């Protein structure tokens, strides 16, 4: 196995690309660097994408084109709307893993408000005092002049002043060099840090069994997929975990309703389904990940049997007439032809 990342450069990168193109490396593991044009595979047969919601449609197509119709396996704890719509339309075969890993308890998710903060952070300190770890997530790296939202840097500075030297506090965000981020994540994983403050970079790469509490400031600034991924960073040990979403004062209506879904649902597919009802499925054949789709999806969600019947009917037609050359299929052929399609 070999690893290809953006941090590899110069002669080392050139030599690795040559080894990959010759077929001497298998498997090849990497980041978005695997999509770069100068990377050529000798015979790419299988592509596995983890955390697929982090990849755009165009990026997935670029990976697909690096082989001759390679098999593709995509994995995610929270399918984005377009992905769920494709699954419903049978363009994807879906395997669903519903059970938690052995010994792991569900993460309890609660809403809180600014007036609860004092008691909330006292609870955080109590957990740290008992030897547990905690995470605080903020939507911004640094303070914005036109926003009163406390940034990760401000939160880190405030908590560090309150808690150190009794507790060890770390800060991580996307603007840090990769090696610094990795070092901080590793310290938290090993228990060398008690509290980690950061942005959504925490969404991936944090595996600390000792972390039992997460506080998310201004959750209305995050997507449901992000919130679901974030809370999955705590409760990875046997002690369980709690995720507290601290909403802005006055949050109401649809924004509050959307966030409240996180308190009543821990199923990624159900969260994605709700997200799709709110935002739309996106284009099944295009680049938009969400929004109004070519097909009205709301009734389909209520009647999945209708979609299954349509898929079976389409498969029967294509098995008998794959090119749709029969006279009775002329209308279908025109509908699917990019030059004449009406939708």
Protein backbone atom coordinates (compact mmCIF):
# COMPACT_ATOMS: atom_id res chain seq x y z
CA UNK A 1 0.00 0.00 0.00
CA UNK A 2 1.09 3.59 -0.67
CA UNK A 3 -0.21 6.97 0.51
CA UNK A 4 -0.61 9.99 -1.77
CA UNK A 5 -1.45 13.38 -0.20
CA UNK A 6 -1.08 17.01 -1.15
CA UNK A 7 1.91 17.39 1.16
CA UNK A 8 4.03 15.11 -1.03
CA UNK A 9 5.98 17.13 -3.60
CA UNK A 10 9.04 17.24 -5.81
CA UNK A 11 10.97 14.12 -6.64
CA UNK A 12 9.18 11.94 -4.10
CA UNK A 13 5.83 12.71 -5.69
CA UNK A 14 7.11 12.14 -9.21
CA UNK A 15 8.58 8.75 -8.29
CA UNK A 16 5.37 7.68 -6.56
CA UNK A 17 3.25 8.67 -9.58
CA UNK A 18 5.53 6.60 -11.81
CA UNK A 19 5.15 3.57 -9.54
CA UNK A 20 1.37 3.95 -9.50
CA UNK A 21 1.12 4.30 -13.30
CA UNK A 22 3.25 1.18 -13.75
CA UNK A 23 0.91 -0.84 -11.54
CA UNK A 24 3.56 -1.59 -8.92
CA UNK A 25 1.52 0.00 -6.10
CA UNK A 26 -1.68 -1.56 -4.84
CA UNK A 27 -3.76 -0.32 -3.13
CA UNK A 28 -3.30 3.44 -3.45
CA UNK A 29 -4.68 5.40 -0.50
CA UNK A 30 -5.03 9.16 -0.55
CA UNK A 31 -6.96 12.38 -0.30
CA UNK A 32 -8.33 14.61 -3.07
CA UNK A 33 -4.82 14.33 -4.55
CA UNK A 34 -5.99 11.12 -6.24
CA UNK A 35 -8.15 13.24 -8.55
CA UNK A 36 -5.27 15.24 -10.06
CA UNK A 37 -4.86 14.94 -13.81
CA UNK A 38 -1.23 13.82 -13.75
CA UNK A 39 -2.12 10.71 -11.76
CA UNK A 40 -2.62 7.75 -14.10
CA UNK A 41 -3.57 4.22 -13.08
CA UNK A 42 -2.51 1.23 -15.10
CA UNK A 43 -5.75 -0.68 -14.55
CA UNK A 44 -8.07 0.89 -12.00
CA UNK A 45 -10.75 -1.62 -11.08
CA UNK A 46 -12.15 -0.43 -7.74
CA UNK A 47 -12.66 3.02 -6.20
CA UNK A 48 -13.66 3.31 -2.53
CA UNK A 49 -14.72 6.77 -1.31
CA UNK A 50 -15.09 7.27 2.41
CA UNK A 51 -17.05 10.23 3.76
CA UNK A 52 -18.46 10.64 0.25
CA UNK A 53 -20.47 13.75 1.15
CA UNK A 54 -17.12 15.59 1.22
CA UNK A 55 -16.66 14.95 -2.51
CA UNK A 56 -18.47 16.85 -5.24
CA UNK A 57 -20.17 15.23 -8.21
CA UNK A 58 -17.46 16.35 -10.61
CA UNK A 59 -14.73 14.93 -8.37
CA UNK A 60 -16.41 11.52 -8.22
CA UNK A 61 -16.73 11.49 -11.99
CA UNK A 62 -13.04 12.32 -12.36
CA UNK A 63 -12.16 9.31 -10.24
CA UNK A 64 -14.51 7.12 -12.24
CA UNK A 65 -12.84 8.20 -15.51
CA UNK A 66 -9.40 7.12 -14.30
CA UNK A 67 -10.40 3.54 -15.09
CA UNK A 68 -12.55 1.63 -17.55
CA UNK A 69 -15.84 1.65 -15.66
CA UNK A 70 -14.28 0.71 -12.30
CA UNK A 71 -16.48 -0.61 -9.53
CA UNK A 72 -17.25 2.17 -7.03
CA UNK A 73 -18.11 1.89 -3.35
CA UNK A 74 -19.12 5.09 -1.55
CA UNK A 75 -19.53 5.29 2.20
CA UNK A 76 -21.10 7.90 4.44
CA UNK A 77 -22.83 8.12 7.79
CA UNK A 78 -25.12 10.80 6.35
CA UNK A 79 -26.02 10.61 2.65
CA UNK A 80 -26.54 14.05 1.10
CA UNK A 81 -29.91 14.64 -0.62
CA UNK A 82 -28.72 13.89 -4.14
CA UNK A 83 -27.21 10.61 -3.00
CA UNK A 84 -30.39 9.55 -1.26
CA UNK A 85 -32.41 10.43 -4.34
CA UNK A 86 -30.10 8.32 -6.52
CA UNK A 87 -30.50 5.43 -4.09
CA UNK A 88 -34.27 5.75 -4.30
CA UNK A 89 -34.01 5.78 -8.08
CA UNK A 90 -32.02 2.53 -8.01
CA UNK A 91 -28.91 4.07 -9.60
CA UNK A 92 -27.12 2.90 -6.47
CA UNK A 93 -27.32 -0.39 -4.64
CA UNK A 94 -27.45 0.40 -0.94
CA UNK A 95 -26.23 -1.61 2.02
CA UNK A 96 -27.34 -0.08 5.32
CA UNK A 97 -25.50 -0.72 8.58
CA UNK A 98 -27.95 0.25 11.29
CA UNK A 99 -26.36 -1.13 14.45
CA UNK A 100 -23.75 0.72 16.51
CA UNK A 101 -20.31 -0.86 17.08
CA UNK A 102 -20.32 -3.36 19.93
CA UNK A 103 -20.49 -1.68 23.32
CA UNK A 104 -21.17 1.81 21.99
CA UNK A 105 -24.14 3.78 23.30
CA UNK A 106 -26.15 6.34 21.28
CA UNK A 107 -25.12 9.97 21.68
CA UNK A 108 -27.79 12.02 23.46
CA UNK A 109 -28.42 15.33 21.66
CA UNK A 110 -30.01 18.33 23.39
CA UNK A 111 -30.77 21.96 22.56
CA UNK A 112 -29.63 24.79 24.82
CA UNK A 113 -29.88 28.58 24.76
CA UNK A 114 -27.50 31.41 25.69
CA UNK A 115 -29.00 31.70 29.18
CA UNK A 116 -28.01 28.07 29.83
CA UNK A 117 -24.32 28.57 29.03
CA UNK A 118 -23.09 29.05 32.58
CA UNK A 119 -24.59 25.77 33.77
CA UNK A 120 -23.57 24.05 30.54
CA UNK A 121 -19.89 24.90 30.88
CA UNK A 122 -19.97 23.97 34.57
CA UNK A 123 -21.12 20.54 33.42
CA UNK A 124 -18.23 20.47 30.96
CA UNK A 125 -15.74 21.24 33.75
CA UNK A 126 -17.27 18.48 35.89
CA UNK A 127 -16.66 15.99 33.09
CA UNK A 128 -13.08 17.15 32.67
CA UNK A 129 -12.59 16.82 36.43
CA UNK A 130 -13.69 13.18 36.26
CA UNK A 131 -11.04 12.43 33.64
CA UNK A 132 -13.26 12.64 30.56
CA UNK A 133 -12.52 14.73 27.46
CA UNK A 134 -14.71 17.27 25.69
CA UNK A 135 -14.98 19.16 22.40
CA UNK A 136 -16.29 22.67 21.64
CA UNK A 137 -17.14 23.50 18.02
CA UNK A 138 -17.51 27.03 16.62
CA UNK A 139 -18.62 28.04 13.09
CA UNK A 140 -15.85 30.64 12.55
CA UNK A 141 -12.07 30.46 12.84
CA UNK A 142 -11.63 34.12 13.80
CA UNK A 143 -13.95 36.96 14.72
CA UNK A 144 -15.84 38.63 11.88
CA UNK A 145 -16.47 42.38 12.10
CA UNK A 146 -20.08 42.00 10.94
CA UNK A 147 -20.93 39.12 13.28
CA UNK A 148 -21.33 38.74 17.04
CA UNK A 149 -20.59 35.01 16.86
CA UNK A 150 -17.68 33.95 19.07
CA UNK A 151 -14.96 32.42 16.91
CA UNK A 152 -12.91 29.30 17.65
CA UNK A 153 -9.87 31.44 18.41
CA UNK A 154 -11.84 33.60 20.87
CA UNK A 155 -13.40 30.55 22.51
CA UNK A 156 -10.00 28.89 22.81
CA UNK A 157 -8.50 31.99 24.40
CA UNK A 158 -11.38 32.34 26.87
CA UNK A 159 -11.47 28.66 27.89
CA UNK A 160 -7.70 28.45 28.13
CA UNK A 161 -7.68 31.42 30.50
CA UNK A 162 -10.35 29.80 32.66
CA UNK A 163 -9.14 26.21 32.66
CA UNK A 164 -5.35 26.12 32.37
CA UNK A 165 -3.17 24.93 34.01
CA UNK A 166 -5.68 22.58 35.62
CA UNK A 167 -6.79 21.29 32.22
CA UNK A 168 -4.99 21.15 28.87
CA UNK A 169 -6.77 22.96 26.04
CA UNK A 170 -6.03 22.66 22.31
CA UNK A 171 -7.18 24.54 19.20
CA UNK A 172 -7.59 23.11 15.70
CA UNK A 173 -8.98 24.60 12.49
CA UNK A 174 -8.54 24.36 8.75
CA UNK A 175 -6.07 27.23 8.43
CA UNK A 176 -3.40 25.42 10.42
CA UNK A 177 -0.69 23.54 8.50
CA UNK A 178 -1.56 19.88 7.99
CA UNK A 179 1.25 18.65 10.23
CA UNK A 180 0.12 20.92 13.09
CA UNK A 181 -3.48 19.76 12.75
CA UNK A 182 -2.39 16.12 12.78
CA UNK A 183 -0.22 16.72 15.85
CA UNK A 184 -3.09 18.31 17.79
CA UNK A 185 -5.54 15.58 16.76
CA UNK A 186 -3.05 12.93 17.85
CA UNK A 187 -2.55 14.61 21.23
CA UNK A 188 -6.29 14.64 21.83
CA UNK A 189 -6.60 11.02 20.74
CA UNK A 190 -3.86 9.95 23.16
CA UNK A 191 -5.36 11.96 26.03
CA UNK A 192 -2.62 14.59 26.17
CA UNK A 193 -5.35 17.25 25.75
CA UNK A 194 -8.47 17.43 27.88
CA UNK A 195 -10.48 19.90 25.81
CA UNK A 196 -10.35 20.48 22.06
CA UNK A 197 -11.75 23.69 20.57
CA UNK A 198 -12.17 23.87 16.82
CA UNK A 199 -14.22 24.29 13.67
CA UNK A 200 -15.72 21.69 11.37
CA UNK A 201 -12.26 20.27 10.72
CA UNK A 202 -13.11 18.20 13.82
CA UNK A 203 -15.83 16.54 11.73
CA UNK A 204 -13.22 14.15 10.34
CA UNK A 205 -10.10 12.69 11.87
CA UNK A 206 -10.95 12.83 15.58
CA UNK A 207 -11.18 9.45 17.28
CA UNK A 208 -10.90 9.85 21.04
CA UNK A 209 -12.71 7.19 23.10
CA UNK A 210 -12.34 9.42 26.16
CA UNK A 211 -14.40 12.26 24.64
CA UNK A 212 -17.92 12.17 26.10
CA UNK A 213 -19.22 15.71 25.61
CA UNK A 214 -19.52 18.09 22.65
CA UNK A 215 -20.83 21.64 22.68
CA UNK A 216 -21.71 23.13 19.28
CA UNK A 217 -22.06 26.90 19.27
CA UNK A 218 -24.57 28.34 16.75
CA UNK A 219 -25.65 24.99 15.24
CA UNK A 220 -27.97 26.88 12.88
CA UNK A 221 -24.83 27.79 10.92
CA UNK A 222 -24.14 24.11 10.13
CA UNK A 223 -25.80 21.61 7.81
CA UNK A 224 -27.57 18.57 9.23
CA UNK A 225 -24.93 16.28 7.71
CA UNK A 226 -22.20 18.28 9.46
CA UNK A 227 -23.99 18.17 12.81
CA UNK A 228 -24.53 14.41 12.50
CA UNK A 229 -20.86 13.88 11.66
CA UNK A 230 -19.70 16.19 14.43
CA UNK A 231 -21.64 14.48 17.20
CA UNK A 232 -20.21 11.18 16.03
CA UNK A 233 -16.85 12.35 17.39
CA UNK A 234 -18.00 11.79 20.99
CA UNK A 235 -19.30 8.73 22.78
CA UNK A 236 -16.89 6.40 21.01
CA UNK A 237 -15.97 4.63 24.23
CA UNK A 238 -18.18 2.68 26.63
CA UNK A 239 -19.27 5.73 28.64
CA UNK A 240 -21.67 7.14 26.05
CA UNK A 241 -21.79 10.78 25.05
CA UNK A 242 -23.83 13.96 24.93
CA UNK A 243 -23.95 16.65 22.24
CA UNK A 244 -25.40 20.03 23.19
CA UNK A 245 -26.45 22.43 20.42
CA UNK A 246 -26.36 26.00 21.74
CA UNK A 247 -28.78 27.95 19.52
CA UNK A 248 -28.75 31.71 19.08
CA UNK A 249 -31.28 33.73 21.01
CA UNK A 250 -34.56 34.08 19.16
CA UNK A 251 -34.09 31.10 16.85
CA UNK A 252 -37.57 29.95 15.78
CA UNK A 253 -39.66 28.68 12.89
CA UNK A 254 -38.15 26.42 10.23
CA UNK A 255 -34.51 26.96 11.34
CA UNK A 256 -35.37 25.74 14.85
CA UNK A 257 -37.45 22.88 13.46
CA UNK A 258 -34.51 21.80 11.31
CA UNK A 259 -32.06 21.80 14.22
CA UNK A 260 -34.57 20.01 16.47
CA UNK A 261 -34.43 16.99 14.14
CA UNK A 262 -31.01 16.24 15.63
CA UNK A 263 -32.51 15.77 19.12
CA UNK A 264 -35.04 13.15 18.02
CA UNK A 265 -33.15 11.24 15.33
CA UNK A 266 -29.82 9.42 15.26
CA UNK A 267 -30.35 7.63 11.94
CA UNK A 268 -28.30 9.10 9.10
CA UNK A 269 -30.77 8.04 6.41
CA UNK A 270 -33.69 9.62 8.24
CA UNK A 271 -31.74 12.84 8.68
CA UNK A 272 -30.86 12.84 4.98
CA UNK A 273 -34.49 12.17 4.11
CA UNK A 274 -35.60 15.16 6.14
CA UNK A 275 -32.85 17.26 4.58
CA UNK A 276 -34.04 16.23 1.13
CA UNK A 277 -37.63 17.18 1.92
CA UNK A 278 -36.38 20.59 3.06
CA UNK A 279 -33.81 21.29 0.33
CA UNK A 280 -34.78 19.03 -2.58
CA UNK A 281 -32.79 16.12 -4.06
CA UNK A 282 -30.66 18.03 -6.57
CA UNK A 283 -30.13 16.90 -10.14
CA UNK A 284 -29.80 13.14 -10.52
CA UNK A 285 -27.72 13.59 -13.68
CA UNK A 286 -26.22 17.01 -12.97
CA UNK A 287 -23.90 18.83 -10.63
CA UNK A 288 -26.21 20.41 -8.06
CA UNK A 289 -26.17 18.43 -4.82
CA UNK A 290 -29.46 19.85 -3.57
CA UNK A 291 -32.40 21.99 -4.62
CA UNK A 292 -35.28 21.35 -7.00
CA UNK A 293 -34.82 18.11 -8.93
CA UNK A 294 -36.02 16.85 -12.29
CA UNK A 295 -38.49 14.54 -10.55
CA UNK A 296 -40.93 15.46 -7.80
CA UNK A 297 -39.61 13.44 -4.87
CA UNK A 298 -41.94 14.11 -1.95
CA UNK A 299 -44.67 11.68 -2.99
CA UNK A 300 -42.04 9.08 -3.85
CA UNK A 301 -40.79 9.13 -0.26
CA UNK A 302 -44.31 8.36 0.92
CA UNK A 303 -44.77 5.57 -1.64
CA UNK A 304 -41.45 3.76 -2.15
CA UNK A 305 -43.33 0.85 -3.78
CA UNK A 306 -44.25 3.12 -6.69
CA UNK A 307 -40.61 3.83 -7.36
CA UNK A 308 -39.72 0.14 -7.19
CA UNK A 309 -42.43 -0.70 -9.72
CA UNK A 310 -41.19 2.05 -12.07
CA UNK A 311 -37.63 0.72 -11.80
CA UNK A 312 -38.72 -2.83 -12.60
CA UNK A 313 -40.74 -1.60 -15.59
CA UNK A 314 -37.76 0.36 -16.90
CA UNK A 315 -35.46 -2.65 -16.46
CA UNK A 316 -37.91 -4.88 -18.38
CA UNK A 317 -37.94 -2.43 -21.30
CA UNK A 318 -34.15 -2.08 -21.41
CA UNK A 319 -33.59 -5.83 -21.17
CA UNK A 320 -35.70 -6.32 -24.29
CA UNK A 321 -34.67 -3.18 -26.17
CA UNK A 322 -31.46 -1.67 -24.69
CA UNK A 323 -31.10 0.95 -27.45
CA UNK A 324 -34.82 1.80 -27.50
CA UNK A 325 -35.01 1.26 -31.27
CA UNK A 326 -38.47 -0.31 -31.27
CA UNK A 327 -41.22 1.99 -32.64
CA UNK A 328 -43.18 1.81 -29.39
CA UNK A 329 -40.16 3.22 -27.54
CA UNK A 330 -39.66 6.24 -29.80
CA UNK A 331 -41.06 8.66 -27.21
CA UNK A 332 -38.73 7.28 -24.51
CA UNK A 333 -35.77 7.57 -26.88
CA UNK A 334 -36.55 11.24 -27.58
CA UNK A 335 -36.98 11.95 -23.87
CA UNK A 336 -33.54 10.50 -23.07
CA UNK A 337 -31.72 12.03 -26.06
CA UNK A 338 -29.68 15.06 -24.83
CA UNK A 339 -30.60 16.89 -28.04
CA UNK A 340 -34.35 16.45 -27.68
CA UNK A 341 -35.04 15.73 -24.01
CA UNK A 342 -37.77 17.89 -22.58
CA UNK A 343 -36.68 17.87 -18.91
